[in-house]
Amino acid sequence: MRKILLLTLVSVAFVFSSEDVCARSWRINSSTEAKADFTSLSDALKSLEVFNGDTLYLDAGCFVSGCSITKSVTIIGTGFNLAGSPVKEAVIGSTLTMKTADVKVEGCVINGGVSLEDEAKNVTFERCRILGSVYSLRTATIKEGPIKILSCFIGGGISQYFTGNNFVISNNIIRGKLSNLNSATITNNVIVYDGDDSKTDYALVNITNSNISNNIIINTNTKYSVNTDQTVFYYKNNTIQDTTPEYNNSIVRNVLSTAAEYAFPNYPDNKFIGAALEDVFVMEGGIDAIYELKEGSPALGYGTNGYDCGIFSGPYPFVLSGRPRLVPYIYEATIPNQSTDGKLNITLKIKSQNE
């Protein structure tokens, strides 16, 4: 009873936060006891009552399956890494497939990846935790309307099967490689790549006509080989593969694990310092807080226009725990074990994520 009441109060707050009085809002919760509008994303998208422009709110603590997104909707969860909070994560348990334009997904945990089809245009993922990769299958090219990935925590990489256009990849933590991107904006990310045993394995591969700036890119592979002159070559030196003029990339003000002796001659305005994680970040706290810059970090103030490199500066500053913008959330709840005069007196403290 207490759990259902708490979920209902959170959901009511979500509904009243809707900014568009014309579009409608719908609750989704996989538990029938919650008495939400729908028990799954797929049921909501199949419903004749749900239209383009509507908002689907995932109840706190709910677990729903992934599906194909076939309507231009906004999907909002509760954030991620919410340990210790009275509000629990809303989890999408498998891959989301984007099959339409004008979709936004914010504040969700996605246990699978994100698959982009040809119809995926003007799609935004913001403040989400995506445990897999963001990728396209077959011949999806994303030529119209950008794919925006903003302030997310991505456990895999971002890739196009064929070279894709119009990606905006900003202020994300990415634990994988970026590959086959054209005309992309790649800025203020933390890219940590574990690499493999190959000298040809880079964190950024087949990137063309793109802006690569204000990032911290670290290949953490510590294996090495011995060159013919008996010098040691660490695989962690491999950060950006496409550094010759023919790729037409702008590579400016990045902090890299590439050592100085392997600096890119065509792009001298980068820090080639062989950086390790502990050289740059505090490495303490939650899964996202560890990437705050430490005192004396080479990334402090090094970005363009006076920005820091990394996720907490730049156009879409990272918000810890990925709480959705302008959505109220409970940060403290006092729920007694016993009722008084037949009433259960609950005290809730509620905030709104205003930035």
Protein backbone atom coordinates (compact mmCIF):
# COMPACT_ATOMS: atom_id res chain seq x y z
CA MET A 1 0.00 0.00 0.00
CA ARG A 2 2.75 2.45 0.97
CA LYS A 3 4.69 1.66 -2.20
CA ILE A 4 1.68 2.16 -4.46
CA LEU A 5 0.82 5.45 -2.76
CA LEU A 6 4.36 6.77 -3.21
CA LEU A 7 4.42 5.79 -6.90
CA THR A 8 1.05 7.45 -7.43
CA LEU A 9 2.17 10.71 -5.83
CA VAL A 10 5.28 10.80 -8.01
CA SER A 11 3.25 10.10 -11.11
CA VAL A 12 0.72 12.83 -10.28
CA ALA A 13 3.60 15.28 -9.99
CA PHE A 14 4.82 14.19 -13.41
CA VAL A 15 1.41 14.74 -14.99
CA PHE A 16 1.05 18.25 -13.59
CA SER A 17 4.52 19.17 -14.87
CA SER A 18 3.50 18.84 -18.52
CA GLU A 19 4.19 22.13 -20.29
CA ASP A 20 2.03 21.51 -23.37
CA VAL A 21 -1.69 21.84 -22.58
CA CYS A 22 -2.62 20.66 -26.06
CA ALA A 23 -0.71 17.38 -25.97
CA ARG A 24 -1.73 14.74 -23.46
CA SER A 25 0.28 12.88 -20.83
CA TRP A 26 0.07 9.20 -20.00
CA ARG A 27 1.38 7.07 -17.13
CA ILE A 28 3.06 3.75 -17.79
CA ASN A 29 3.69 1.15 -15.11
CA SER A 30 4.17 -2.58 -15.60
CA SER A 31 2.39 -3.29 -12.29
CA THR A 32 -1.37 -3.56 -12.65
CA GLU A 33 -1.71 -2.49 -9.00
CA ALA A 34 -0.41 0.96 -9.93
CA LYS A 35 -3.51 1.57 -12.08
CA ALA A 36 -1.52 3.46 -14.71
CA ASP A 37 -2.88 4.25 -18.17
CA PHE A 38 -0.78 1.50 -19.76
CA THR A 39 1.36 -1.37 -18.54
CA SER A 40 3.91 -1.21 -21.39
CA LEU A 41 5.39 1.16 -23.94
CA SER A 42 4.19 -0.99 -26.81
CA ASP A 43 0.58 -0.89 -25.56
CA ALA A 44 0.74 2.89 -25.32
CA LEU A 45 2.13 3.26 -28.83
CA LYS A 46 -0.53 0.92 -30.25
CA SER A 47 -3.34 2.80 -28.55
CA LEU A 48 -5.61 4.92 -30.73
CA GLU A 49 -5.79 7.43 -27.87
CA VAL A 50 -2.05 8.23 -27.94
CA PHE A 51 -1.13 10.77 -30.62
CA ASN A 52 2.04 12.36 -31.97
CA GLY A 53 3.20 15.02 -29.51
CA ASP A 54 1.99 13.18 -26.40
CA THR A 55 4.24 12.48 -23.40
CA LEU A 56 4.66 9.05 -21.83
CA TYR A 57 5.80 9.12 -18.20
CA LEU A 58 7.40 5.96 -16.82
CA ASP A 59 6.48 5.52 -13.16
CA ALA A 60 9.27 5.37 -10.62
CA GLY A 61 10.46 1.82 -10.10
CA CYS A 62 8.67 0.35 -13.10
CA PHE A 63 10.27 -2.11 -15.53
CA VAL A 64 8.98 -2.22 -19.12
CA SER A 65 10.25 -3.95 -22.24
CA GLY A 66 11.86 -2.14 -25.11
CA CYS A 67 9.99 -1.85 -28.39
CA SER A 68 9.83 -0.02 -31.72
CA ILE A 69 9.00 3.66 -31.33
CA THR A 70 6.47 4.38 -34.07
CA LYS A 71 4.93 7.66 -32.87
CA SER A 72 6.48 11.08 -32.32
CA VAL A 73 6.29 11.05 -28.53
CA THR A 74 8.36 12.14 -25.56
CA ILE A 75 9.29 9.41 -23.06
CA ILE A 76 10.34 10.57 -19.60
CA GLY A 77 11.73 8.50 -16.74
CA THR A 78 13.09 9.42 -13.32
CA GLY A 79 16.86 9.47 -13.90
CA PHE A 80 19.58 6.92 -13.16
CA ASN A 81 22.00 6.01 -10.38
CA LEU A 82 19.36 6.87 -7.78
CA ALA A 83 20.68 4.72 -4.93
CA GLY A 84 19.59 6.20 -1.61
CA SER A 85 16.76 8.19 -3.16
CA PRO A 86 13.10 7.45 -2.33
CA VAL A 87 12.45 7.63 -6.09
CA LYS A 88 13.57 4.57 -8.03
CA GLU A 89 14.76 4.28 -11.61
CA ALA A 90 12.34 3.63 -14.45
CA VAL A 91 13.90 0.89 -16.53
CA ILE A 92 13.39 -0.07 -20.16
CA GLY A 93 14.55 -3.67 -20.16
CA SER A 94 15.70 -4.14 -23.75
CA THR A 95 16.60 -2.33 -26.98
CA LEU A 96 14.63 0.68 -28.23
CA THR A 97 14.26 0.86 -32.00
CA MET A 98 13.66 4.31 -33.47
CA LYS A 99 11.29 4.02 -36.45
CA THR A 100 9.93 7.54 -36.67
CA ALA A 101 10.93 11.19 -36.45
CA ASP A 102 10.61 13.77 -33.68
CA VAL A 103 11.11 11.58 -30.61
CA LYS A 104 12.70 12.52 -27.30
CA VAL A 105 13.74 10.11 -24.54
CA GLU A 106 14.84 11.67 -21.25
CA GLY A 107 15.80 10.37 -17.82
CA CYS A 108 15.44 6.67 -18.68
CA VAL A 109 17.57 3.61 -17.98
CA ILE A 110 17.76 1.46 -21.11
CA ASN A 111 19.16 -2.00 -20.38
CA GLY A 112 19.72 -2.72 -24.07
CA GLY A 113 20.89 -0.42 -26.81
CA VAL A 114 19.31 2.02 -29.26
CA SER A 115 18.77 0.99 -32.88
CA LEU A 116 18.27 3.74 -35.47
CA GLU A 117 16.25 3.09 -38.62
CA ASP A 118 16.01 5.27 -41.75
CA GLU A 119 12.94 7.04 -40.38
CA ALA A 120 14.81 8.20 -37.25
CA LYS A 121 15.17 11.95 -37.74
CA ASN A 122 15.25 14.70 -35.13
CA VAL A 123 15.59 12.15 -32.32
CA THR A 124 17.05 13.14 -28.94
CA PHE A 125 18.32 11.06 -26.05
CA GLU A 126 19.08 13.21 -23.03
CA ARG A 127 20.11 12.32 -19.47
CA CYS A 128 19.66 8.61 -20.09
CA ARG A 129 21.75 5.63 -19.08
CA ILE A 130 22.09 3.33 -22.09
CA LEU A 131 23.82 0.11 -21.10
CA GLY A 132 24.44 -1.01 -24.69
CA SER A 133 25.39 0.91 -27.84
CA VAL A 134 23.66 3.44 -30.06
CA TYR A 135 23.85 2.07 -33.59
CA SER A 136 22.18 1.77 -36.97
CA LEU A 137 21.49 -1.42 -38.91
CA ARG A 138 21.39 -2.08 -42.63
CA THR A 139 21.53 1.18 -44.64
CA ALA A 140 20.20 3.83 -42.25
CA THR A 141 21.94 7.11 -43.08
CA ILE A 142 20.25 9.76 -40.89
CA LYS A 143 20.52 12.49 -43.55
CA GLU A 144 17.74 14.77 -42.34
CA GLY A 145 17.32 16.13 -38.85
CA PRO A 146 19.97 15.45 -36.25
CA ILE A 147 20.33 12.55 -33.87
CA LYS A 148 21.18 14.23 -30.56
CA ILE A 149 22.79 12.33 -27.71
CA LEU A 150 23.17 14.72 -24.80
CA SER A 151 24.38 14.26 -21.22
CA CYS A 152 23.94 10.48 -21.30
CA PHE A 153 25.91 7.60 -19.80
CA ILE A 154 26.51 5.08 -22.59
CA GLY A 155 27.96 1.69 -21.72
CA GLY A 156 28.83 0.83 -25.32
CA GLY A 157 29.74 2.96 -28.30
CA ILE A 158 28.06 4.99 -31.03
CA SER A 159 28.28 3.72 -34.58
CA GLN A 160 26.71 3.69 -38.03
CA TYR A 161 26.87 0.60 -40.22
CA PHE A 162 27.46 3.01 -43.08
CA THR A 163 28.78 6.52 -42.60
CA GLY A 164 25.99 8.52 -40.99
CA ASN A 165 25.27 12.22 -40.95
CA ASN A 166 24.07 14.80 -38.48
CA PHE A 167 24.94 13.45 -35.07
CA VAL A 168 25.28 15.83 -32.13
CA ILE A 169 27.17 13.97 -29.38
CA SER A 170 27.72 16.29 -26.46
CA ASN A 171 28.50 16.04 -22.73
CA ASN A 172 28.23 12.26 -22.54
CA ILE A 173 30.15 9.59 -20.68
CA ILE A 174 30.88 6.98 -23.35
CA ARG A 175 32.49 3.66 -22.44
CA GLY A 176 33.14 2.51 -26.00
CA LYS A 177 34.27 3.67 -29.43
CA LEU A 178 32.74 6.08 -31.92
CA SER A 179 32.81 4.92 -35.53
CA ASN A 180 31.56 5.73 -39.04
CA LEU A 181 30.23 9.21 -38.38
CA ASN A 182 30.11 12.04 -40.91
CA SER A 183 29.34 15.73 -40.25
CA ALA A 184 29.08 15.05 -36.53
CA THR A 185 29.56 17.42 -33.61
CA ILE A 186 31.49 15.60 -30.89
CA THR A 187 32.15 17.92 -28.00
CA ASN A 188 32.65 17.94 -24.21
CA ASN A 189 32.44 14.17 -23.86
CA VAL A 190 34.38 11.81 -21.64
CA ILE A 191 35.26 8.82 -23.84
CA VAL A 192 36.89 5.95 -21.97
CA TYR A 193 37.73 3.02 -24.21
CA ASP A 194 39.22 -0.26 -23.03
CA GLY A 195 40.51 -1.13 -26.49
CA ASP A 196 41.78 -4.51 -27.58
CA ASP A 197 45.14 -6.04 -28.48
CA SER A 198 45.41 -4.37 -31.88
CA LYS A 199 47.54 -1.37 -32.73
CA THR A 200 44.79 -0.33 -35.15
CA ASP A 201 42.15 -0.14 -32.43
CA TYR A 202 41.25 3.50 -31.79
CA ALA A 203 38.57 5.20 -29.70
CA LEU A 204 37.40 7.26 -32.70
CA VAL A 205 37.44 5.49 -36.08
CA ASN A 206 36.24 6.54 -39.55
CA ILE A 207 35.12 10.01 -38.47
CA THR A 208 34.89 12.55 -41.33
CA ASN A 209 33.92 16.22 -41.76
CA SER A 210 33.34 16.51 -38.03
CA ASN A 211 34.05 18.84 -35.12
CA ILE A 212 35.92 17.03 -32.33
CA SER A 213 36.55 19.44 -29.48
CA ASN A 214 36.72 19.78 -25.69
CA ASN A 215 36.65 16.01 -25.18
CA ILE A 216 38.66 13.87 -22.79
CA ILE A 217 39.56 10.68 -24.66
CA ILE A 218 41.39 7.93 -22.82
CA ASN A 219 42.22 4.47 -24.08
CA THR A 220 42.76 2.46 -20.90
CA ASN A 221 44.34 -0.58 -22.53
CA THR A 222 47.73 -0.99 -20.86
CA LYS A 223 49.08 -3.71 -23.13
CA TYR A 224 52.02 -2.83 -25.33
CA SER A 225 54.28 -4.04 -28.10
CA VAL A 226 57.94 -3.43 -28.88
CA ASN A 227 58.72 -1.56 -32.10
CA THR A 228 61.59 -2.52 -34.40
CA ASP A 229 63.77 0.10 -32.73
CA GLN A 230 62.98 -1.57 -29.38
CA THR A 231 60.82 1.32 -28.17
CA VAL A 232 57.60 0.45 -26.40
CA PHE A 233 54.26 1.28 -28.02
CA TYR A 234 51.30 1.24 -25.63
CA TYR A 235 47.92 0.52 -27.20
CA LYS A 236 46.39 3.15 -24.94
CA ASN A 237 48.03 5.72 -27.22
CA ASN A 238 45.29 5.11 -29.78
CA THR A 239 42.63 7.79 -29.45
CA ILE A 240 41.69 9.41 -32.80
CA GLN A 241 42.51 7.54 -35.98
CA ASP A 242 41.44 10.06 -38.61
CA THR A 243 43.91 12.92 -38.20
CA THR A 244 45.11 13.57 -41.75
CA PRO A 245 43.66 16.51 -43.75
CA GLU A 246 41.78 14.21 -46.14
CA TYR A 247 39.27 13.39 -43.38
CA ASN A 248 38.41 17.09 -43.03
CA ASN A 249 37.97 16.98 -39.26
CA SER A 250 38.43 19.87 -36.87
CA ILE A 251 40.27 18.43 -33.84
CA VAL A 252 40.73 21.15 -31.24
CA ARG A 253 41.40 21.34 -27.50
CA ASN A 254 41.01 17.71 -26.53
CA VAL A 255 42.83 16.01 -23.64
CA LEU A 256 44.13 12.65 -24.83
CA SER A 257 45.86 9.53 -23.60
CA THR A 258 48.03 9.79 -26.71
CA ALA A 259 51.60 10.37 -25.61
CA ALA A 260 53.45 13.46 -26.82
CA GLU A 261 55.74 11.48 -29.12
CA TYR A 262 52.65 10.34 -31.05
CA ALA A 263 51.10 13.81 -31.35
CA PHE A 264 49.05 14.68 -34.45
CA PRO A 265 51.21 17.05 -36.53
CA ASN A 266 48.16 18.49 -38.33
CA TYR A 267 46.36 19.29 -35.08
CA PRO A 268 48.84 20.69 -32.56
CA ASP A 269 46.18 22.39 -30.41
CA ASN A 270 45.49 19.32 -28.26
CA LYS A 271 47.06 18.01 -25.08
CA PHE A 272 49.10 14.92 -25.90
CA ILE A 273 50.08 13.91 -22.43
CA GLY A 274 49.51 10.17 -22.23
CA ALA A 275 46.76 10.98 -19.72
CA ALA A 276 45.44 8.28 -17.41
CA LEU A 277 42.09 8.47 -15.62
CA GLU A 278 43.67 9.37 -12.29
CA ASP A 279 45.53 12.28 -13.92
CA VAL A 280 42.30 13.96 -14.96
CA PHE A 281 39.41 12.93 -12.71
CA VAL A 282 38.66 12.70 -8.99
CA MET A 283 37.77 8.98 -9.42
CA GLU A 284 35.56 9.06 -6.31
CA GLY A 285 31.80 8.89 -5.89
CA GLY A 286 29.07 7.45 -8.12
CA ILE A 287 29.41 6.12 -11.65
CA ASP A 288 29.11 9.63 -13.05
CA ALA A 289 30.60 11.73 -10.23
CA ILE A 290 33.98 10.00 -10.65
CA TYR A 291 34.44 12.01 -13.85
CA GLU A 292 34.49 15.38 -12.12
CA LEU A 293 37.80 17.12 -12.77
CA LYS A 294 40.39 16.94 -10.02
CA GLU A 295 42.39 19.89 -8.79
CA GLY A 296 45.19 20.53 -11.27
CA SER A 297 43.51 18.48 -14.01
CA PRO A 298 44.90 19.26 -17.49
CA ALA A 299 41.28 19.61 -18.67
CA LEU A 300 40.53 22.62 -16.46
CA GLY A 301 40.06 25.73 -18.62
CA TYR A 302 41.62 24.03 -21.64
CA GLY A 303 38.48 23.87 -23.83
CA THR A 304 37.42 26.39 -26.45
CA ASN A 305 35.96 29.71 -25.26
CA GLY A 306 37.28 29.13 -21.76
CA TYR A 307 35.29 25.95 -21.18
CA ASP A 308 36.72 23.01 -19.30
CA CYS A 309 37.08 19.84 -21.29
CA GLY A 310 34.73 17.09 -20.23
CA ILE A 311 31.09 16.68 -19.32
CA PHE A 312 30.43 19.37 -16.72
CA SER A 313 31.14 22.34 -19.01
CA GLY A 314 30.08 23.29 -22.52
CA PRO A 315 26.65 23.42 -24.19
CA TYR A 316 24.79 20.71 -22.21
CA PRO A 317 26.42 20.43 -18.77
CA PHE A 318 26.03 16.96 -17.31
CA VAL A 319 23.54 16.59 -14.43
CA LEU A 320 24.42 13.92 -11.89
CA SER A 321 21.87 11.11 -11.74
CA GLY A 322 20.27 12.25 -15.00
CA ARG A 323 17.17 13.76 -13.47
CA PRO A 324 14.80 15.05 -16.18
CA ARG A 325 14.51 18.80 -16.56
CA LEU A 326 11.53 20.53 -14.88
CA VAL A 327 10.09 17.27 -13.53
CA PRO A 328 9.41 17.29 -9.75
CA TYR A 329 10.92 14.48 -7.74
CA ILE A 330 10.74 13.34 -4.12
CA TYR A 331 14.12 13.67 -2.39
CA GLU A 332 12.93 12.76 1.10
CA ALA A 333 9.96 10.72 2.31
CA THR A 334 8.81 9.98 5.86
CA ILE A 335 6.27 7.16 5.98
CA PRO A 336 5.25 5.87 9.43
CA ASN A 337 4.79 2.17 10.07
CA GLN A 338 1.49 2.70 11.85
CA SER A 339 -1.53 4.87 11.22
CA THR A 340 -2.87 7.53 13.59
CA ASP A 341 -6.64 7.71 14.03
CA GLY A 342 -6.97 5.55 10.94
CA LYS A 343 -4.81 7.88 8.87
CA LEU A 344 -1.30 7.43 7.49
CA ASN A 345 0.50 10.75 7.82
CA ILE A 346 3.15 10.94 5.11
CA THR A 347 5.67 13.76 4.80
CA LEU A 348 7.22 14.34 1.37
CA LYS A 349 9.88 16.84 0.33
CA ILE A 350 9.82 17.60 -3.39
CA LYS A 351 12.24 19.42 -5.68
CA SER A 352 12.23 20.21 -9.37
CA GLN A 353 15.30 19.79 -11.57
CA ASN A 354 15.41 23.31 -13.00
CA GLU A 355 18.51 22.99 -15.19
